[in-house]
Amino acid sequence: MPISGHTYLCRFDVLEEGVPRRFEVDGVPVSLVLTEGEVFAIHDVCSHSAVSLSEGEVEGCTVECWLHGSRFDLRTGKPLDP
């Protein structure tokens, strides 16, 4: 479910390059990621197994699910693997 508007989550300087941070916005888990100089926010739940994506590894503009290795595009939140 898309979140409309803007919600303050943290200061930019507390984000580490390539390290996802988990937040909740109105009860919705969100993963915030700084990568390649941009900040991305996606739903922090793997669509395949309902685990937190913020525990996965970031590579470029993707994050990998730690449980089964599926990758998600940080720009869209969509899975790149079936």
Protein backbone atom coordinates (compact mmCIF):
# COMPACT_ATOMS: atom_id res chain seq x y z
CA MET A 1 0.00 0.00 0.00
CA PRO A 2 1.58 3.32 -1.02
CA ILE A 3 2.03 5.93 1.68
CA SER A 4 1.08 9.39 0.50
CA GLY A 5 2.75 12.62 1.51
CA HIS A 6 5.98 12.93 3.45
CA THR A 7 6.82 11.45 6.83
CA TYR A 8 9.96 12.34 8.79
CA LEU A 9 11.81 9.18 9.79
CA CYS A 10 15.34 10.27 10.70
CA ARG A 11 18.14 12.70 9.96
CA PHE A 12 20.04 12.01 6.74
CA ASP A 13 23.37 11.84 8.58
CA VAL A 14 22.31 8.78 10.60
CA LEU A 15 21.88 6.70 7.44
CA GLU A 16 24.84 4.56 6.40
CA GLU A 17 25.53 3.81 2.74
CA GLY A 18 24.15 0.35 1.90
CA VAL A 19 22.75 -0.35 5.38
CA PRO A 20 18.93 -0.70 5.52
CA ARG A 21 17.12 0.82 8.52
CA ARG A 22 13.67 -0.38 9.62
CA PHE A 23 10.94 2.07 10.66
CA GLU A 24 7.17 1.93 11.09
CA VAL A 25 4.85 4.46 9.49
CA ASP A 26 1.26 4.23 10.71
CA GLY A 27 1.85 0.57 11.58
CA VAL A 28 3.44 -0.24 8.20
CA PRO A 29 7.04 -1.56 8.28
CA VAL A 30 9.32 0.49 6.02
CA SER A 31 12.94 -0.10 5.05
CA LEU A 32 14.92 3.09 4.44
CA VAL A 33 18.12 2.66 2.39
CA LEU A 34 20.84 5.10 1.37
CA THR A 35 22.60 3.82 -1.74
CA GLU A 36 24.41 5.50 -4.61
CA GLY A 37 23.72 8.89 -2.99
CA GLU A 38 19.92 8.46 -2.95
CA VAL A 39 17.49 7.46 -0.21
CA PHE A 40 14.81 4.87 -0.96
CA ALA A 41 11.88 3.66 1.14
CA ILE A 42 10.13 0.35 0.46
CA HIS A 43 7.70 -1.93 2.28
CA ASP A 44 9.93 -3.88 4.68
CA VAL A 45 8.37 -7.29 4.07
CA CYS A 46 9.49 -9.91 1.56
CA SER A 47 6.51 -10.79 -0.63
CA HIS A 48 7.58 -14.44 -0.72
CA SER A 49 8.06 -15.25 2.95
CA ALA A 50 6.99 -12.26 5.08
CA VAL A 51 10.43 -11.58 6.60
CA SER A 52 12.13 -8.19 7.02
CA LEU A 53 14.05 -6.94 3.98
CA SER A 54 16.00 -4.53 6.20
CA GLU A 55 18.05 -7.52 7.36
CA GLY A 56 19.19 -8.22 3.79
CA GLU A 57 22.22 -7.06 1.83
CA VAL A 58 22.10 -4.02 -0.46
CA GLU A 59 23.79 -4.09 -3.86
CA GLY A 60 23.33 -1.01 -6.02
CA CYS A 61 19.61 -0.24 -6.10
CA THR A 62 18.55 -3.69 -4.89
CA VAL A 63 18.14 -5.42 -1.54
CA GLU A 64 18.34 -9.18 -1.09
CA CYS A 65 15.98 -11.16 1.13
CA TRP A 66 18.21 -12.84 3.72
CA LEU A 67 15.98 -15.92 3.86
CA HIS A 68 15.84 -17.11 0.26
CA GLY A 69 17.95 -14.69 -1.80
CA SER A 70 15.27 -12.98 -3.88
CA ARG A 71 16.23 -9.41 -4.85
CA PHE A 72 13.94 -6.36 -4.72
CA ASP A 73 14.32 -3.11 -6.67
CA LEU A 74 14.67 -0.22 -4.20
CA ARG A 75 13.23 2.22 -6.77
CA THR A 76 9.93 0.32 -7.10
CA GLY A 77 9.85 -2.20 -4.24
CA LYS A 78 9.06 -4.95 -6.76
CA PRO A 79 10.78 -8.35 -6.74
CA LEU A 80 13.32 -8.93 -9.52
CA ASP A 81 13.12 -12.71 -9.16
CA PRO A 82 9.97 -14.83 -9.59
